[in-house]
Protein backbone atom coordinates (compact mmCIF):
# COMPACT_ATOMS: atom_id res chain seq x y z
CA MET A 1 -20.74 -12.91 83.78
CA ASN A 2 -20.74 -11.78 80.18
CA GLU A 3 -20.77 -8.06 79.38
CA ILE A 4 -23.84 -6.47 78.05
CA PHE A 5 -23.53 -4.54 75.10
CA ARG A 6 -25.01 -0.75 74.16
CA GLN A 7 -25.67 -2.12 70.40
CA ILE A 8 -28.70 -4.09 71.84
CA LEU A 9 -30.13 -4.33 67.99
CA LEU A 10 -27.40 -6.74 67.25
CA TYR A 11 -29.02 -9.15 70.09
CA ARG A 12 -32.19 -9.41 67.41
CA PHE A 13 -29.43 -9.52 64.18
CA ILE A 14 -27.66 -12.15 66.06
CA MET A 15 -30.61 -14.24 66.86
CA PHE A 16 -31.32 -14.33 63.27
CA CYS A 17 -27.88 -15.08 62.54
CA ASN A 18 -28.14 -18.18 65.14
CA GLU A 19 -31.09 -19.28 63.21
CA THR A 20 -29.51 -20.14 59.96
CA THR A 21 -27.13 -23.05 58.97
CA MET A 22 -24.74 -20.91 57.69
CA ASP A 23 -21.04 -21.26 58.97
CA LYS A 24 -20.60 -18.52 61.47
CA VAL A 25 -18.08 -16.09 60.21
CA VAL A 26 -18.81 -12.25 60.42
CA LEU A 27 -17.85 -8.68 59.12
CA ASP A 28 -18.27 -5.92 60.90
CA CYS A 29 -18.02 -2.62 58.58
CA GLY A 30 -17.23 0.44 60.99
CA ALA A 31 -16.21 -1.78 63.57
CA GLY A 32 -14.29 0.78 65.99
CA GLY A 33 -14.77 2.43 69.50
CA ASN A 34 -14.09 1.62 73.14
CA CYS A 35 -16.93 -1.06 73.08
CA PRO A 36 -16.72 -3.34 69.69
CA PRO A 37 -19.93 -5.31 69.02
CA LEU A 38 -17.64 -7.74 67.32
CA SER A 39 -16.79 -9.07 70.97
CA LEU A 40 -20.58 -9.91 71.46
CA PHE A 41 -20.15 -11.96 68.42
CA SER A 42 -17.01 -13.78 69.36
CA GLU A 43 -18.53 -14.45 73.16
CA TYR A 44 -20.94 -16.48 70.74
CA GLY A 45 -18.41 -18.37 68.99
CA TYR A 46 -18.27 -16.81 65.78
CA LYS A 47 -15.39 -16.37 63.80
CA THR A 48 -15.04 -12.20 63.24
CA HIS A 49 -13.62 -9.27 61.28
CA GLY A 50 -13.87 -5.69 61.05
CA ILE A 51 -13.18 -2.84 59.28
CA GLU A 52 -12.42 0.83 60.63
CA PHE A 53 -12.00 4.17 58.79
CA ASP A 54 -10.75 6.05 61.46
CA ILE A 55 -7.53 4.95 62.98
CA ASN A 56 -8.40 6.37 66.69
CA GLN A 57 -11.41 4.40 66.79
CA LEU A 58 -9.47 1.17 65.34
CA LYS A 59 -7.18 1.84 68.13
CA GLU A 60 -9.85 1.76 70.43
CA ALA A 61 -10.95 -1.36 69.17
CA ASN A 62 -8.12 -3.29 69.19
CA MET A 63 -7.34 -2.04 72.89
CA TYR A 64 -10.75 -3.23 73.93
CA ALA A 65 -9.94 -7.07 72.34
CA ASP A 66 -6.82 -6.98 73.98
CA ASP A 67 -7.95 -6.48 77.19
CA LYS A 68 -10.66 -9.17 76.71
CA ASN A 69 -7.78 -11.35 75.30
CA GLN A 70 -10.38 -11.48 71.91
CA ASP A 71 -8.75 -11.99 68.58
CA LEU A 72 -11.36 -9.76 66.71
CA ASN A 73 -9.34 -9.27 63.37
CA ILE A 74 -10.23 -5.58 63.22
CA GLU A 75 -7.85 -3.57 60.89
CA HIS A 76 -7.99 -0.24 58.50
CA GLY A 77 -10.27 -0.59 55.59
CA ASP A 78 -12.73 1.35 53.73
CA MET A 79 -16.59 -0.17 53.34
CA ARG A 80 -16.80 1.55 50.02
CA TYR A 81 -13.54 -0.89 48.78
CA LEU A 82 -13.75 -3.93 50.37
CA LYS A 83 -10.51 -6.23 50.31
CA PHE A 84 -12.58 -9.40 50.55
CA GLU A 85 -13.50 -11.92 47.82
CA ASP A 86 -16.84 -12.22 46.61
CA GLU A 87 -18.85 -14.57 48.90
CA THR A 88 -16.22 -14.52 51.86
CA PHE A 89 -18.85 -13.94 54.44
CA SER A 90 -22.01 -15.52 55.92
CA PHE A 91 -22.84 -12.35 58.20
CA VAL A 92 -22.05 -8.87 57.39
CA TYR A 93 -23.37 -5.90 59.10
CA SER A 94 -22.88 -2.15 59.68
CA TYR A 95 -24.36 -0.32 62.86
CA ASN A 96 -24.71 3.43 63.09
CA SER A 97 -21.84 3.55 60.36
CA VAL A 98 -22.99 3.58 56.73
CA PHE A 99 -24.66 7.42 56.89
CA HIS A 100 -21.45 8.62 58.13
CA MET A 101 -21.08 9.52 54.25
CA ARG A 102 -22.43 10.77 51.14
CA LYS A 103 -25.37 8.79 49.37
CA GLU A 104 -23.31 7.97 46.52
CA ASP A 105 -20.79 6.64 48.90
CA VAL A 106 -23.24 4.87 50.92
CA LEU A 107 -24.57 2.62 47.81
CA LYS A 108 -21.16 2.03 47.52
CA SER A 109 -20.96 0.42 50.54
CA ILE A 110 -23.93 -1.33 50.69
CA ASN A 111 -23.01 -3.08 47.04
CA GLU A 112 -19.93 -4.15 48.41
CA MET A 113 -21.42 -5.57 51.89
CA LYS A 114 -23.89 -7.64 49.23
CA ARG A 115 -20.51 -8.94 46.98
CA VAL A 116 -18.67 -10.01 50.07
CA LEU A 117 -21.84 -11.72 51.84
CA LYS A 118 -22.47 -15.62 51.00
CA PRO A 119 -26.03 -16.55 48.82
CA GLY A 120 -28.06 -17.19 52.10
CA GLY A 121 -26.19 -14.95 54.05
CA LEU A 122 -27.77 -12.30 56.11
CA LEU A 123 -27.01 -8.42 56.39
CA PHE A 124 -28.21 -5.99 59.12
CA VAL A 125 -27.84 -2.41 58.20
CA ASN A 126 -29.36 0.91 59.84
CA PHE A 127 -29.88 4.47 58.34
CA LEU A 128 -30.82 7.97 60.12
CA THR A 129 -34.41 8.99 58.51
CA THR A 130 -35.66 12.50 58.05
CA LYS A 131 -37.34 12.11 61.10
CA ASP A 132 -34.22 12.79 63.34
CA SER A 133 -33.93 16.10 64.93
CA ARG A 134 -31.08 17.06 63.43
CA TYR A 135 -32.16 16.70 59.99
CA GLY A 136 -31.90 19.61 58.10
CA THR A 137 -29.06 21.35 60.35
CA GLY A 138 -25.80 22.35 58.89
CA LEU A 139 -24.23 22.89 55.23
CA ALA A 140 -26.15 20.96 53.04
CA ILE A 141 -23.81 19.35 50.71
CA GLY A 142 -26.53 17.40 48.78
CA GLU A 143 -30.19 15.99 49.19
CA ASN A 144 -30.84 15.36 52.68
CA GLN A 145 -27.37 15.09 53.19
CA TYR A 146 -25.29 17.55 55.62
CA GLU A 147 -21.80 18.44 57.42
CA GLN A 148 -22.86 18.61 60.97
CA MET A 149 -20.85 19.25 64.50
CA GLU A 150 -20.79 16.09 66.52
CA ARG A 151 -18.72 15.92 70.10
CA ASN A 152 -16.82 18.97 68.55
CA THR A 153 -16.13 16.64 65.14
CA LEU A 154 -17.29 17.27 61.66
CA VAL A 155 -18.81 14.87 60.28
CA ILE A 156 -21.52 13.70 57.31
CA HIS A 157 -24.87 12.68 57.85
CA SER A 158 -26.97 11.57 55.14
CA TYR A 159 -30.85 11.07 56.23
CA PHE A 160 -33.53 9.12 54.37
CA GLU A 161 -37.13 9.47 53.76
CA GLU A 162 -38.15 5.70 55.73
CA CYS A 163 -38.88 3.77 52.76
CA GLU A 164 -35.87 5.50 50.61
CA PRO A 165 -33.11 2.42 51.55
CA ASP A 166 -35.85 -0.07 49.96
CA THR A 167 -34.15 0.48 46.77
CA TYR A 168 -31.09 -0.98 48.07
CA PHE A 169 -32.58 -4.39 48.39
CA GLU A 170 -34.24 -5.06 45.94
CA ASP A 171 -32.38 -8.02 45.08
CA MET A 172 -32.86 -9.60 48.57
CA GLU A 173 -35.27 -10.73 50.90
CA ILE A 174 -36.34 -8.22 53.56
CA LEU A 175 -36.66 -10.13 56.71
CA HIS A 176 -37.07 -7.19 59.22
CA LYS A 177 -37.78 -4.02 58.97
CA GLU A 178 -37.96 -1.63 61.95
CA ILE A 179 -38.90 1.99 61.83
CA ARG A 180 -37.65 4.05 64.97
CA VAL A 181 -37.91 7.36 66.64
CA LEU A 182 -36.67 7.63 70.00
CA GLU A 183 -35.83 10.58 72.78
CA ARG A 184 -33.29 10.45 75.01
CA LEU A 185 -30.52 12.98 77.18
CA ASP A 186 -27.38 13.10 75.53
CA GLU A 187 -24.88 14.95 77.70
CA GLY A 188 -27.51 16.74 79.61
CA GLU A 189 -29.31 17.66 76.56
CA LYS A 190 -32.72 15.77 75.02
CA ILE A 191 -32.72 14.62 71.51
CA ARG A 192 -34.46 12.94 69.09
CA GLN A 193 -33.29 9.99 66.72
CA GLY A 194 -34.93 9.04 63.72
CA PHE A 195 -33.76 5.23 62.17
CA VAL A 196 -34.80 2.54 60.08
CA ASP A 197 -33.65 -0.70 60.47
CA TYR A 198 -32.82 -3.55 58.14
CA ILE A 199 -31.77 -7.37 58.09
CA VAL A 200 -31.96 -8.81 54.74
CA LYS A 201 -31.18 -12.60 53.46
CA LYS A 202 -28.82 -12.66 50.13
CA ILE A 203 -31.14 -14.80 47.23
């Protein structure tokens, strides 16, 4: 039985991808962790590539791939400066990753993802919104941007108004946009998370 991946939003993205006639070549920007979703794409027959900035997260992803005998092609990299040529990938995504930087770097990263995407290709990106319960906490480093503690690590979170990221995709076709506010338990503490998700097509 195939593993059920916790990044459930990517099941919708892979459905959109499967409905195209594009070659099955995908890039994950922020591909690390102990359950890399590129494994899901591999199971669906995609040729996978991934970049991860954090060395420890990169090691975890490659250990997972080794255990499953999958060649996910995840390597160290920075989504602000992708090493790939223009129009290399049919599909690109960044799940719960791009908002871990200042907004000026979010813009750089989005532009890089768009650059390496083929015409007609699909991009999935999600953003934190100001409806998140952590919004407004921590050290302010810019407009709706904060340094905050997350599992004993200081990280950057950029928060967006629900229509704010629309400007990133004015040159693309928005196929799906979803605004989500959810409450859940995190290590026994009730938290509220706000997200806005995009699936867009390069024209």
